[in-house]
Amino acid sequence: MKLRVHVTPRRGVLDPQGAAVKGGLTNLGFDGIGEVRVGKVIDLTLASTVDAEAALALGRDMARKLLANETVEDFEVEVLG
């Protein structure tokens, strides 16, 4: 079973990496760019055989305990198969 965890800065939290990417794109001539947010994607392969619902619950638990800082980050977990 494979999981993908998307971790992004919460709205209202400063995102200096996003600001740097936006500045770089603007300097390269890409106009009309609004807000840019930079996050991370974590792909996990579970060694045990579990159903999708159990895998999703396990992924959320991992994100809460280690993969995301819920004070300043949001996360989403998806089951890839």
PDB file of N, CA and C in Angstrom:
ATOM      1  N   MET A   1       0.855  -1.165   0.000  1.00  0.00           N
ATOM      2  CA  MET A   1       0.000   0.000   0.000  1.00  0.00           C
ATOM      3  C   MET A   1       0.905   1.232   0.000  1.00  0.00           C
ATOM      4  N   LYS A   2       0.587   2.177  -0.860  1.00  0.00           N
ATOM      5  CA  LYS A   2       1.388   3.401  -0.950  1.00  0.00           C
ATOM      6  C   LYS A   2       0.558   4.588  -0.493  1.00  0.00           C
ATOM      7  N   LEU A   3       1.213   5.507   0.223  1.00  0.00           N
ATOM      8  CA  LEU A   3       0.585   6.734   0.706  1.00  0.00           C
ATOM      9  C   LEU A   3       1.372   7.932   0.219  1.00  0.00           C
ATOM     10  N   ARG A   4       0.691   9.022   0.038  1.00  0.00           N
ATOM     11  CA  ARG A   4       1.345  10.290  -0.267  1.00  0.00           C
ATOM     12  C   ARG A   4       0.824  11.325   0.732  1.00  0.00           C
ATOM     13  N   VAL A   5       1.752  12.006   1.393  1.00  0.00           N
ATOM     14  CA  VAL A   5       1.410  13.046   2.361  1.00  0.00           C
ATOM     15  C   VAL A   5       1.867  14.383   1.792  1.00  0.00           C
ATOM     16  N   HIS A   6       0.927  15.309   1.658  1.00  0.00           N
ATOM     17  CA  HIS A   6       1.227  16.671   1.209  1.00  0.00           C
ATOM     18  C   HIS A   6       1.254  17.565   2.444  1.00  0.00           C
ATOM     19  N   VAL A   7       2.360  18.267   2.661  1.00  0.00           N
ATOM     20  CA  VAL A   7       2.492  19.158   3.801  1.00  0.00           C
ATOM     21  C   VAL A   7       2.721  20.568   3.258  1.00  0.00           C
ATOM     22  N   THR A   8       1.891  21.517   3.704  1.00  0.00           N
ATOM     23  CA  THR A   8       1.996  22.900   3.227  1.00  0.00           C
ATOM     24  C   THR A   8       1.888  23.863   4.401  1.00  0.00           C
ATOM     25  N   PRO A   9       2.474  25.050   4.255  1.00  0.00           N
ATOM     26  CA  PRO A   9       2.322  26.047   5.313  1.00  0.00           C
ATOM     27  C   PRO A   9       0.853  26.453   5.446  1.00  0.00           C
ATOM     28  N   ARG A  10       0.415  26.679   6.668  1.00  0.00           N
ATOM     29  CA  ARG A  10      -0.963  27.134   6.890  1.00  0.00           C
ATOM     30  C   ARG A  10      -1.143  28.534   6.338  1.00  0.00           C
ATOM     31  N   ARG A  11      -2.364  28.830   5.939  1.00  0.00           N
ATOM     32  CA  ARG A  11      -2.691  30.186   5.495  1.00  0.00           C
ATOM     33  C   ARG A  11      -2.391  31.148   6.640  1.00  0.00           C
ATOM     34  N   GLY A  12      -1.822  32.272   6.324  1.00  0.00           N
ATOM     35  CA  GLY A  12      -1.502  33.258   7.343  1.00  0.00           C
ATOM     36  C   GLY A  12      -0.105  33.099   7.928  1.00  0.00           C
ATOM     37  N   VAL A  13       0.539  31.962   7.655  1.00  0.00           N
ATOM     38  CA  VAL A  13       1.906  31.730   8.122  1.00  0.00           C
ATOM     39  C   VAL A  13       2.852  32.173   7.009  1.00  0.00           C
ATOM     40  N   LEU A  14       3.860  32.944   7.370  1.00  0.00           N
ATOM     41  CA  LEU A  14       4.815  33.410   6.371  1.00  0.00           C
ATOM     42  C   LEU A  14       5.472  32.229   5.672  1.00  0.00           C
ATOM     43  N   ASP A  15       5.664  32.365   4.377  1.00  0.00           N
ATOM     44  CA  ASP A  15       6.296  31.324   3.569  1.00  0.00           C
ATOM     45  C   ASP A  15       7.443  31.958   2.791  1.00  0.00           C
ATOM     46  N   PRO A  16       8.629  32.081   3.422  1.00  0.00           N
ATOM     47  CA  PRO A  16       9.755  32.728   2.739  1.00  0.00           C
ATOM     48  C   PRO A  16      10.192  31.999   1.471  1.00  0.00           C
ATOM     49  N   GLN A  17      10.070  30.671   1.442  1.00  0.00           N
ATOM     50  CA  GLN A  17      10.426  29.935   0.226  1.00  0.00           C
ATOM     51  C   GLN A  17       9.455  30.285  -0.903  1.00  0.00           C
ATOM     52  N   GLY A  18       8.185  30.377  -0.584  1.00  0.00           N
ATOM     53  CA  GLY A  18       7.195  30.765  -1.583  1.00  0.00           C
ATOM     54  C   GLY A  18       7.471  32.156  -2.133  1.00  0.00           C
ATOM     55  N   ALA A  19       7.834  33.075  -1.239  1.00  0.00           N
ATOM     56  CA  ALA A  19       8.149  34.446  -1.666  1.00  0.00           C
ATOM     57  C   ALA A  19       9.380  34.458  -2.572  1.00  0.00           C
ATOM     58  N   ALA A  20      10.377  33.636  -2.241  1.00  0.00           N
ATOM     59  CA  ALA A  20      11.591  33.575  -3.068  1.00  0.00           C
ATOM     60  C   ALA A  20      11.280  33.001  -4.452  1.00  0.00           C
ATOM     61  N   VAL A  21      10.450  31.967  -4.506  1.00  0.00           N
ATOM     62  CA  VAL A  21      10.070  31.378  -5.802  1.00  0.00           C
ATOM     63  C   VAL A  21       9.293  32.385  -6.621  1.00  0.00           C
ATOM     64  N   LYS A  22       8.362  33.085  -5.997  1.00  0.00           N
ATOM     65  CA  LYS A  22       7.574  34.092  -6.712  1.00  0.00           C
ATOM     66  C   LYS A  22       8.496  35.184  -7.264  1.00  0.00           C
ATOM     67  N   GLY A  23       9.444  35.648  -6.445  1.00  0.00           N
ATOM     68  CA  GLY A  23      10.387  36.667  -6.903  1.00  0.00           C
ATOM     69  C   GLY A  23      11.230  36.179  -8.066  1.00  0.00           C
ATOM     70  N   GLY A  24      11.698  34.941  -7.980  1.00  0.00           N
ATOM     71  CA  GLY A  24      12.499  34.378  -9.059  1.00  0.00           C
ATOM     72  C   GLY A  24      11.719  34.258 -10.359  1.00  0.00           C
ATOM     73  N   LEU A  25      10.476  33.793 -10.262  1.00  0.00           N
ATOM     74  CA  LEU A  25       9.650  33.672 -11.460  1.00  0.00           C
ATOM     75  C   LEU A  25       9.358  35.037 -12.072  1.00  0.00           C
ATOM     76  N   THR A  26       9.093  36.009 -11.222  1.00  0.00           N
ATOM     77  CA  THR A  26       8.846  37.374 -11.715  1.00  0.00           C
ATOM     78  C   THR A  26      10.087  37.914 -12.417  1.00  0.00           C
ATOM     79  N   ASN A  27      11.262  37.675 -11.810  1.00  0.00           N
ATOM     80  CA  ASN A  27      12.519  38.137 -12.429  1.00  0.00           C
ATOM     81  C   ASN A  27      12.790  37.457 -13.769  1.00  0.00           C
ATOM     82  N   LEU A  28      12.254  36.263 -13.955  1.00  0.00           N
ATOM     83  CA  LEU A  28      12.431  35.550 -15.220  1.00  0.00           C
ATOM     84  C   LEU A  28      11.393  35.944 -16.266  1.00  0.00           C
ATOM     85  N   GLY A  29      10.526  36.876 -15.898  1.00  0.00           N
ATOM     86  CA  GLY A  29       9.561  37.387 -16.865  1.00  0.00           C
ATOM     87  C   GLY A  29       8.187  36.737 -16.808  1.00  0.00           C
ATOM     88  N   PHE A  30       7.935  35.898 -15.808  1.00  0.00           N
ATOM     89  CA  PHE A  30       6.606  35.295 -15.658  1.00  0.00           C
ATOM     90  C   PHE A  30       5.724  36.262 -14.880  1.00  0.00           C
ATOM     91  N   ASP A  31       4.815  36.908 -15.605  1.00  0.00           N
ATOM     92  CA  ASP A  31       3.954  37.917 -14.981  1.00  0.00           C
ATOM     93  C   ASP A  31       2.646  37.300 -14.515  1.00  0.00           C
ATOM     94  N   GLY A  32       1.970  38.026 -13.648  1.00  0.00           N
ATOM     95  CA  GLY A  32       0.633  37.627 -13.230  1.00  0.00           C
ATOM     96  C   GLY A  32       0.605  36.503 -12.207  1.00  0.00           C
ATOM     97  N   ILE A  33       1.685  36.320 -11.488  1.00  0.00           N
ATOM     98  CA  ILE A  33       1.707  35.264 -10.486  1.00  0.00           C
ATOM     99  C   ILE A  33       1.184  35.822  -9.178  1.00  0.00           C
ATOM    100  N   GLY A  34       0.224  35.134  -8.611  1.00  0.00           N
ATOM    101  CA  GLY A  34      -0.332  35.519  -7.312  1.00  0.00           C
ATOM    102  C   GLY A  34       0.527  34.931  -6.200  1.00  0.00           C
ATOM    103  N   GLU A  35      -0.129  34.408  -5.215  1.00  0.00           N
ATOM    104  CA  GLU A  35       0.567  33.828  -4.075  1.00  0.00           C
ATOM    105  C   GLU A  35       1.244  32.513  -4.476  1.00  0.00           C
ATOM    106  N   VAL A  36       2.433  32.282  -3.941  1.00  0.00           N
ATOM    107  CA  VAL A  36       3.157  31.024  -4.149  1.00  0.00           C
ATOM    108  C   VAL A  36       3.413  30.423  -2.770  1.00  0.00           C
ATOM    109  N   ARG A  37       3.049  29.159  -2.600  1.00  0.00           N
ATOM    110  CA  ARG A  37       3.277  28.438  -1.356  1.00  0.00           C
ATOM    111  C   ARG A  37       4.139  27.220  -1.684  1.00  0.00           C
ATOM    112  N   VAL A  38       5.168  26.999  -0.901  1.00  0.00           N
ATOM    113  CA  VAL A  38       6.058  25.861  -1.110  1.00  0.00           C
ATOM    114  C   VAL A  38       5.845  24.866   0.031  1.00  0.00           C
ATOM    115  N   GLY A  39       5.624  23.618  -0.323  1.00  0.00           N
ATOM    116  CA  GLY A  39       5.432  22.574   0.671  1.00  0.00           C
ATOM    117  C   GLY A  39       6.325  21.394   0.362  1.00  0.00           C
ATOM    118  N   LYS A  40       5.933  20.260   0.898  1.00  0.00           N
ATOM    119  CA  LYS A  40       6.708  19.046   0.645  1.00  0.00           C
ATOM    120  C   LYS A  40       5.747  17.886   0.422  1.00  0.00           C
ATOM    121  N   VAL A  41       6.229  16.904  -0.313  1.00  0.00           N
ATOM    122  CA  VAL A  41       5.473  15.684  -0.583  1.00  0.00           C
ATOM    123  C   VAL A  41       6.297  14.519  -0.049  1.00  0.00           C
ATOM    124  N   ILE A  42       5.648  13.663   0.737  1.00  0.00           N
ATOM    125  CA  ILE A  42       6.317  12.507   1.307  1.00  0.00           C
ATOM    126  C   ILE A  42       5.587  11.259   0.822  1.00  0.00           C
ATOM    127  N   ASP A  43       6.287  10.390   0.106  1.00  0.00           N
ATOM    128  CA  ASP A  43       5.716   9.129  -0.375  1.00  0.00           C
ATOM    129  C   ASP A  43       6.164   8.006   0.545  1.00  0.00           C
ATOM    130  N   LEU A  44       5.208   7.203   0.968  1.00  0.00           N
ATOM    131  CA  LEU A  44       5.478   6.098   1.884  1.00  0.00           C
ATOM    132  C   LEU A  44       4.953   4.801   1.290  1.00  0.00           C
ATOM    133  N   THR A  45       5.699   3.740   1.439  1.00  0.00           N
ATOM    134  CA  THR A  45       5.227   2.409   1.085  1.00  0.00           C
ATOM    135  C   THR A  45       5.119   1.615   2.378  1.00  0.00           C
ATOM    136  N   LEU A  46       3.916   1.123   2.654  1.00  0.00           N
ATOM    137  CA  LEU A  46       3.693   0.344   3.861  1.00  0.00           C
ATOM    138  C   LEU A  46       4.057  -1.112   3.599  1.00  0.00           C
ATOM    139  N   ALA A  47       4.815  -1.695   4.508  1.00  0.00           N
ATOM    140  CA  ALA A  47       5.249  -3.085   4.340  1.00  0.00           C
ATOM    141  C   ALA A  47       4.109  -4.064   4.614  1.00  0.00           C
ATOM    142  N   SER A  48       3.199  -3.674   5.500  1.00  0.00           N
ATOM    143  CA  SER A  48       2.108  -4.587   5.831  1.00  0.00           C
ATOM    144  C   SER A  48       0.933  -4.390   4.881  1.00  0.00           C
ATOM    145  N   THR A  49       0.111  -5.396   4.788  1.00  0.00           N
ATOM    146  CA  THR A  49      -1.080  -5.328   3.952  1.00  0.00           C
ATOM    147  C   THR A  49      -2.244  -4.841   4.809  1.00  0.00           C
ATOM    148  N   VAL A  50      -2.710  -3.654   4.522  1.00  0.00           N
ATOM    149  CA  VAL A  50      -3.857  -3.083   5.231  1.00  0.00           C
ATOM    150  C   VAL A  50      -4.829  -2.556   4.188  1.00  0.00           C
ATOM    151  N   ASP A  51      -6.084  -2.376   4.593  1.00  0.00           N
ATOM    152  CA  ASP A  51      -7.038  -1.809   3.646  1.00  0.00           C
ATOM    153  C   ASP A  51      -6.827  -0.298   3.552  1.00  0.00           C
ATOM    154  N   ALA A  52      -7.471   0.321   2.580  1.00  0.00           N
ATOM    155  CA  ALA A  52      -7.267   1.750   2.303  1.00  0.00           C
ATOM    156  C   ALA A  52      -7.640   2.615   3.492  1.00  0.00           C
ATOM    157  N   GLU A  53      -8.713   2.277   4.178  1.00  0.00           N
ATOM    158  CA  GLU A  53      -9.148   3.089   5.324  1.00  0.00           C
ATOM    159  C   GLU A  53      -8.122   3.036   6.456  1.00  0.00           C
ATOM    160  N   ALA A  54      -7.601   1.857   6.739  1.00  0.00           N
ATOM    161  CA  ALA A  54      -6.580   1.711   7.779  1.00  0.00           C
ATOM    162  C   ALA A  54      -5.288   2.414   7.377  1.00  0.00           C
ATOM    163  N   ALA A  55      -4.923   2.333   6.095  1.00  0.00           N
ATOM    164  CA  ALA A  55      -3.718   3.009   5.605  1.00  0.00           C
ATOM    165  C   ALA A  55      -3.858   4.515   5.739  1.00  0.00           C
ATOM    166  N   LEU A  56      -5.023   5.040   5.422  1.00  0.00           N
ATOM    167  CA  LEU A  56      -5.278   6.470   5.546  1.00  0.00           C
ATOM    168  C   LEU A  56      -5.157   6.911   7.005  1.00  0.00           C
ATOM    169  N   ALA A  57      -5.741   6.148   7.908  1.00  0.00           N
ATOM    170  CA  ALA A  57      -5.659   6.468   9.335  1.00  0.00           C
ATOM    171  C   ALA A  57      -4.207   6.427   9.815  1.00  0.00           C
ATOM    172  N   LEU A  58      -3.447   5.431   9.352  1.00  0.00           N
ATOM    173  CA  LEU A  58      -2.041   5.315   9.719  1.00  0.00           C
ATOM    174  C   LEU A  58      -1.244   6.506   9.188  1.00  0.00           C
ATOM    175  N   GLY A  59      -1.513   6.904   7.943  1.00  0.00           N
ATOM    176  CA  GLY A  59      -0.829   8.054   7.356  1.00  0.00           C
ATOM    177  C   GLY A  59      -1.116   9.338   8.111  1.00  0.00           C
ATOM    178  N   ARG A  60      -2.360   9.536   8.506  1.00  0.00           N
ATOM    179  CA  ARG A  60      -2.720  10.731   9.290  1.00  0.00           C
ATOM    180  C   ARG A  60      -2.006  10.733  10.646  1.00  0.00           C
ATOM    181  N   ASP A  61      -1.924   9.564  11.258  1.00  0.00           N
ATOM    182  CA  ASP A  61      -1.244   9.457  12.541  1.00  0.00           C
ATOM    183  C   ASP A  61       0.244   9.786  12.394  1.00  0.00           C
ATOM    184  N   MET A  62       0.871   9.275  11.327  1.00  0.00           N
ATOM    185  CA  MET A  62       2.286   9.576  11.074  1.00  0.00           C
ATOM    186  C   MET A  62       2.488  11.071  10.841  1.00  0.00           C
ATOM    187  N   ALA A  63       1.585  11.676  10.075  1.00  0.00           N
ATOM    188  CA  ALA A  63       1.707  13.106   9.789  1.00  0.00           C
ATOM    189  C   ALA A  63       1.586  13.924  11.061  1.00  0.00           C
ATOM    190  N   ARG A  64       0.629  13.585  11.905  1.00  0.00           N
ATOM    191  CA  ARG A  64       0.440  14.333  13.161  1.00  0.00           C
ATOM    192  C   ARG A  64       1.625  14.187  14.103  1.00  0.00           C
ATOM    193  N   LYS A  65       2.229  13.007  14.127  1.00  0.00           N
ATOM    194  CA  LYS A  65       3.299  12.743  15.089  1.00  0.00           C
ATOM    195  C   LYS A  65       4.687  13.151  14.610  1.00  0.00           C
ATOM    196  N   LEU A  66       4.901  13.189  13.285  1.00  0.00           N
ATOM    197  CA  LEU A  66       6.263  13.457  12.810  1.00  0.00           C
ATOM    198  C   LEU A  66       6.361  14.287  11.536  1.00  0.00           C
ATOM    199  N   LEU A  67       5.543  14.004  10.555  1.00  0.00           N
ATOM    200  CA  LEU A  67       5.759  14.565   9.218  1.00  0.00           C
ATOM    201  C   LEU A  67       5.354  16.022   9.076  1.00  0.00           C
ATOM    202  N   ALA A  68       4.421  16.490   9.896  1.00  0.00           N
ATOM    203  CA  ALA A  68       3.961  17.884   9.809  1.00  0.00           C
ATOM    204  C   ALA A  68       3.961  18.513  11.193  1.00  0.00           C
ATOM    205  N   ASN A  69       4.236  19.790  11.233  1.00  0.00           N
ATOM    206  CA  ASN A  69       4.126  20.572  12.465  1.00  0.00           C
ATOM    207  C   ASN A  69       2.774  21.275  12.404  1.00  0.00           C
ATOM    208  N   GLU A  70       1.782  20.725  13.072  1.00  0.00           N
ATOM    209  CA  GLU A  70       0.413  21.233  12.940  1.00  0.00           C
ATOM    210  C   GLU A  70       0.235  22.659  13.466  1.00  0.00           C
ATOM    211  N   THR A  71       1.231  23.192  14.152  1.00  0.00           N
ATOM    212  CA  THR A  71       1.148  24.579  14.591  1.00  0.00           C
ATOM    213  C   THR A  71       1.229  25.518  13.390  1.00  0.00           C
ATOM    214  N   VAL A  72       2.050  25.164  12.407  1.00  0.00           N
ATOM    215  CA  VAL A  72       2.270  26.060  11.262  1.00  0.00           C
ATOM    216  C   VAL A  72       2.024  25.400   9.911  1.00  0.00           C
ATOM    217  N   GLU A  73       1.705  24.096   9.900  1.00  0.00           N
ATOM    218  CA  GLU A  73       1.520  23.386   8.636  1.00  0.00           C
ATOM    219  C   GLU A  73       0.200  22.616   8.614  1.00  0.00           C
ATOM    220  N   ASP A  74      -0.353  22.492   7.416  1.00  0.00           N
ATOM    221  CA  ASP A  74      -1.497  21.623   7.164  1.00  0.00           C
ATOM    222  C   ASP A  74      -0.990  20.409   6.399  1.00  0.00           C
ATOM    223  N   PHE A  75      -1.750  19.322   6.448  1.00  0.00           N
ATOM    224  CA  PHE A  75      -1.367  18.149   5.676  1.00  0.00           C
ATOM    225  C   PHE A  75      -2.606  17.458   5.128  1.00  0.00           C
ATOM    226  N   GLU A  76      -2.380  16.736   4.043  1.00  0.00           N
ATOM    227  CA  GLU A  76      -3.388  15.864   3.440  1.00  0.00           C
ATOM    228  C   GLU A  76      -2.729  14.532   3.138  1.00  0.00           C
ATOM    229  N   VAL A  77      -3.450  13.456   3.365  1.00  0.00           N
ATOM    230  CA  VAL A  77      -2.932  12.117   3.103  1.00  0.00           C
ATOM    231  C   VAL A  77      -3.804  11.490   2.031  1.00  0.00           C
ATOM    232  N   GLU A  78      -3.168  10.867   1.048  1.00  0.00           N
ATOM    233  CA  GLU A  78      -3.930  10.147   0.024  1.00  0.00           C
ATOM    234  C   GLU A  78      -3.347   8.741  -0.142  1.00  0.00           C
ATOM    235  N   VAL A  79      -4.223   7.813  -0.407  1.00  0.00           N
ATOM    236  CA  VAL A  79      -3.826   6.430  -0.681  1.00  0.00           C
ATOM    237  C   VAL A  79      -3.618   6.295  -2.184  1.00  0.00           C
ATOM    238  N   LEU A  80      -2.433   5.849  -2.557  1.00  0.00           N
ATOM    239  CA  LEU A  80      -2.105   5.696  -3.978  1.00  0.00           C
ATOM    240  C   LEU A  80      -2.398   4.294  -4.477  1.00  0.00           C
ATOM    241  N   GLY A  81      -2.463   3.350  -3.604  1.00  0.00           N
ATOM    242  CA  GLY A  81      -2.777   1.980  -4.003  1.00  0.00           C
ATOM    243  C   GLY A  81      -1.861   0.968  -3.412  1.00  0.00           C
TER     244      GLY A  81
END
